[in-house]
N, C-alpha and C. Protein backbone atom coordinates (compact mmCIF):
# COMPACT_ATOMS: atom_id res chain seq x y z
N UNK A 1 0.90 -1.27 -0.07
CA UNK A 1 0.04 -0.11 0.11
C UNK A 1 0.89 1.12 0.07
N UNK A 2 0.48 2.13 -0.64
CA UNK A 2 1.24 3.43 -0.93
C UNK A 2 0.23 4.60 -0.71
N UNK A 3 0.75 5.58 0.17
CA UNK A 3 -0.06 6.75 0.49
C UNK A 3 0.55 7.91 -0.68
N UNK A 4 -0.44 8.22 -1.39
CA UNK A 4 -0.03 9.19 -2.41
C UNK A 4 -1.23 10.10 -2.73
N UNK A 5 -1.07 11.13 -3.30
CA UNK A 5 -2.24 12.30 -3.53
C UNK A 5 -3.23 11.31 -4.56
N UNK A 6 -4.56 11.55 -4.48
CA UNK A 6 -5.48 10.92 -5.11
C UNK A 6 -5.42 10.91 -6.59
N UNK A 7 -4.80 12.07 -7.10
CA UNK A 7 -4.67 12.26 -8.59
C UNK A 7 -3.35 12.11 -9.11
N UNK A 8 -2.46 11.37 -8.20
CA UNK A 8 -0.96 10.95 -8.52
C UNK A 8 -1.08 10.05 -9.80
N UNK A 9 -0.07 10.03 -10.77
CA UNK A 9 -0.13 9.33 -11.78
C UNK A 9 0.31 7.72 -11.46
N UNK A 10 -0.18 7.02 -12.37
CA UNK A 10 0.21 5.45 -12.30
C UNK A 10 1.76 5.26 -12.51
N UNK A 11 2.34 4.73 -11.47
CA UNK A 11 3.68 4.31 -11.43
C UNK A 11 4.06 2.96 -11.64
N UNK A 12 4.25 2.13 -12.94
CA UNK A 12 4.57 1.15 -13.07
C UNK A 12 5.80 0.45 -12.40
N UNK A 13 6.70 1.25 -11.83
CA UNK A 13 7.68 0.80 -11.21
C UNK A 13 7.49 0.20 -9.81
N UNK A 14 6.37 0.96 -9.23
CA UNK A 14 5.92 0.48 -7.83
C UNK A 14 5.07 -0.83 -7.91
N UNK A 15 4.34 -1.27 -9.09
CA UNK A 15 3.76 -2.53 -9.33
C UNK A 15 4.89 -3.56 -9.30
N UNK A 16 5.90 -3.35 -10.31
CA UNK A 16 7.11 -4.06 -10.52
C UNK A 16 7.78 -4.51 -9.26
N UNK A 17 8.03 -3.43 -8.14
CA UNK A 17 8.63 -3.66 -7.04
C UNK A 17 7.68 -4.71 -6.26
N UNK A 18 6.46 -4.53 -6.22
CA UNK A 18 5.49 -5.33 -5.35
C UNK A 18 5.67 -6.80 -6.10
N UNK A 19 5.57 -6.94 -7.37
CA UNK A 19 5.65 -8.27 -7.81
C UNK A 19 6.99 -8.94 -7.34
N UNK A 20 8.06 -8.29 -7.62
CA UNK A 20 9.29 -8.90 -7.24
C UNK A 20 9.35 -9.23 -5.84
N UNK A 21 8.53 -8.39 -4.90
CA UNK A 21 8.62 -8.88 -3.36
C UNK A 21 7.72 -10.06 -3.26
N UNK A 22 6.61 -10.23 -4.01
CA UNK A 22 5.70 -11.26 -3.76
C UNK A 22 6.17 -12.68 -4.61
N UNK A 23 6.83 -12.46 -5.60
CA UNK A 23 7.25 -13.82 -6.24
C UNK A 23 7.73 -14.81 -5.54
N UNK A 24 8.84 -14.63 -4.62
CA UNK A 24 9.24 -15.64 -3.69
C UNK A 24 8.12 -16.31 -2.87
N UNK A 25 7.08 -15.48 -2.58
CA UNK A 25 6.27 -16.01 -1.56
C UNK A 25 5.17 -16.78 -2.13
N UNK A 26 5.07 -16.75 -3.42
CA UNK A 26 3.72 -17.19 -4.20
C UNK A 26 4.36 -18.13 -5.36
N UNK A 27 5.20 -19.22 -4.93
CA UNK A 27 5.67 -20.09 -6.01
C UNK A 27 4.48 -20.76 -6.97
N UNK A 28 4.76 -20.72 -8.37
CA UNK A 28 3.80 -21.34 -9.14
C UNK A 28 2.78 -20.36 -9.70
N UNK A 29 2.72 -19.09 -9.12
CA UNK A 29 1.83 -18.05 -9.59
C UNK A 29 2.35 -17.30 -10.70
N UNK A 30 1.83 -17.31 -11.93
CA UNK A 30 2.45 -16.44 -13.14
C UNK A 30 1.90 -14.99 -12.84
N UNK A 31 2.96 -14.13 -12.19
CA UNK A 31 2.53 -12.80 -11.81
C UNK A 31 3.04 -11.86 -13.06
N UNK A 32 3.71 -12.52 -14.15
CA UNK A 32 4.03 -11.57 -15.24
C UNK A 32 2.88 -11.50 -16.26
N UNK A 33 1.74 -12.39 -16.15
CA UNK A 33 0.86 -12.29 -17.09
C UNK A 33 -0.49 -11.55 -16.64
N UNK A 34 -0.17 -10.26 -15.99
CA UNK A 34 -1.19 -9.45 -15.46
C UNK A 34 -1.94 -8.84 -16.53
N UNK A 35 -3.04 -8.40 -16.38
CA UNK A 35 -3.87 -7.83 -17.57
C UNK A 35 -4.56 -6.76 -17.05
N UNK A 36 -4.68 -6.48 -15.79
CA UNK A 36 -5.34 -5.38 -15.05
C UNK A 36 -4.49 -4.54 -14.02
N UNK A 37 -4.03 -3.49 -14.15
CA UNK A 37 -3.06 -2.83 -13.33
C UNK A 37 -3.97 -1.23 -13.02
N UNK A 38 -3.98 -1.02 -11.73
CA UNK A 38 -4.64 0.25 -11.65
C UNK A 38 -4.09 1.10 -10.36
N UNK A 39 -4.56 2.24 -10.13
CA UNK A 39 -4.21 2.78 -8.94
C UNK A 39 -5.54 3.55 -8.44
N UNK A 40 -5.74 4.01 -7.39
CA UNK A 40 -6.70 4.47 -6.75
C UNK A 40 -7.10 4.29 -5.42
N UNK A 41 -8.29 4.74 -4.85
CA UNK A 41 -8.68 4.68 -3.52
C UNK A 41 -9.03 2.96 -3.32
N UNK A 42 -8.57 2.51 -1.96
CA UNK A 42 -9.19 1.14 -1.78
C UNK A 42 -10.65 1.12 -1.44
N UNK A 43 -11.22 0.27 -2.17
CA UNK A 43 -12.60 -0.06 -1.77
C UNK A 43 -12.84 -0.31 -0.25
N UNK A 44 -13.66 0.23 0.48
CA UNK A 44 -13.87 -0.17 1.94
C UNK A 44 -15.45 0.12 2.14
N UNK A 45 -15.96 -0.34 2.97
CA UNK A 45 -17.61 -0.25 3.25
C UNK A 45 -17.69 1.09 4.24
N UNK A 46 -18.53 1.52 4.38
CA UNK A 46 -18.92 2.89 5.08
C UNK A 46 -18.65 2.56 6.58
N UNK A 47 -19.10 1.24 7.08
CA UNK A 47 -18.99 1.36 8.40
C UNK A 47 -17.71 0.45 8.87
N UNK A 48 -16.93 0.10 7.80
CA UNK A 48 -15.71 -0.73 8.06
C UNK A 48 -16.06 -2.21 8.22
N UNK A 49 -17.16 -2.53 8.28
CA UNK A 49 -17.46 -4.14 8.47
C UNK A 49 -16.98 -4.75 6.99
N UNK A 50 -16.69 -6.12 7.30
CA UNK A 50 -16.25 -6.69 6.05
C UNK A 50 -17.51 -7.25 5.37
N UNK A 51 -17.30 -7.48 3.82
CA UNK A 51 -18.19 -8.08 3.00
C UNK A 51 -17.72 -9.43 2.69
N UNK A 52 -18.22 -10.57 3.39
CA UNK A 52 -17.97 -11.76 2.96
C UNK A 52 -18.91 -12.89 2.47
N UNK A 53 -18.53 -13.58 1.43
CA UNK A 53 -19.35 -14.47 0.73
C UNK A 53 -19.01 -15.27 -0.19
N UNK A 54 -19.68 -16.37 -0.74
CA UNK A 54 -19.22 -17.27 -1.62
C UNK A 54 -19.39 -16.54 -3.19
N UNK A 55 -18.52 -16.88 -3.92
CA UNK A 55 -18.43 -16.34 -5.30
C UNK A 55 -19.14 -17.28 -6.34
N UNK A 56 -19.24 -17.13 -7.69
CA UNK A 56 -19.89 -18.21 -8.67
C UNK A 56 -18.87 -19.41 -8.68
N UNK A 57 -17.57 -19.15 -8.34
CA UNK A 57 -16.55 -20.28 -8.72
C UNK A 57 -16.86 -21.37 -7.39
N UNK A 58 -16.73 -22.40 -7.65
CA UNK A 58 -16.89 -23.50 -6.56
C UNK A 58 -15.79 -23.18 -5.54
N UNK A 59 -16.10 -23.32 -4.28
CA UNK A 59 -15.03 -23.30 -3.12
C UNK A 59 -14.19 -22.04 -2.90
N UNK A 60 -14.79 -20.91 -3.68
CA UNK A 60 -13.99 -19.58 -3.64
C UNK A 60 -14.98 -18.70 -2.90
N UNK A 61 -14.43 -18.03 -1.78
CA UNK A 61 -15.30 -16.97 -1.31
C UNK A 61 -14.51 -15.82 -1.36
N UNK A 62 -14.96 -14.48 -1.31
CA UNK A 62 -14.37 -13.22 -1.36
C UNK A 62 -14.60 -12.50 -0.05
N UNK A 63 -13.60 -11.93 0.46
CA UNK A 63 -13.61 -11.16 1.72
C UNK A 63 -13.02 -9.84 1.17
N UNK A 64 -14.05 -8.96 1.69
CA UNK A 64 -13.26 -7.33 1.32
C UNK A 64 -14.15 -6.39 2.08
N UNK A 65 -13.76 -5.19 1.54
CA UNK A 65 -14.15 -3.95 2.53
C UNK A 65 -13.84 -3.80 3.70
N UNK A 66 -12.76 -4.24 4.20
CA UNK A 66 -12.35 -4.03 5.59
C UNK A 66 -10.77 -3.48 5.64
N UNK A 67 -10.49 -2.72 4.76
CA UNK A 67 -9.19 -1.76 4.76
C UNK A 67 -8.08 -3.00 4.82
N UNK A 68 -7.07 -2.73 5.64
CA UNK A 68 -5.83 -3.58 5.86
C UNK A 68 -6.09 -4.69 6.67
N UNK A 69 -7.24 -5.06 7.22
CA UNK A 69 -7.60 -6.13 8.26
C UNK A 69 -7.59 -7.21 7.59
N UNK A 70 -8.07 -7.56 6.27
CA UNK A 70 -8.15 -8.77 5.86
C UNK A 70 -7.02 -9.77 5.94
N UNK A 71 -5.98 -9.29 5.55
CA UNK A 71 -4.58 -10.18 5.93
C UNK A 71 -4.38 -10.46 7.13
N UNK A 72 -4.72 -9.65 8.05
CA UNK A 72 -4.39 -9.92 9.59
C UNK A 72 -5.50 -10.80 10.12
N UNK A 73 -6.76 -10.84 9.63
CA UNK A 73 -7.57 -11.63 10.18
C UNK A 73 -7.90 -12.96 9.43
N UNK A 74 -7.20 -13.27 8.40
CA UNK A 74 -7.12 -14.52 7.77
C UNK A 74 -6.50 -15.57 8.68
N UNK A 75 -7.27 -16.84 8.40
CA UNK A 75 -6.96 -17.94 9.35
C UNK A 75 -6.38 -19.17 8.41
């Protein structure tokens, strides 16, 4: 996560740095075939409560809307 002005330009070097840092932690995941890179505000719910539920994919659930707490609260 990077704190910048809301209208700051997209910085590909920042995404490249994130990918390099994540690659050793995610073996087997092809991080070089990305098709969607963006910058902007993080989506969060108004009250900070998470949105949790199943997706259309079998055995896949989405957890979002809780700021940075998602990774901390994962089990």
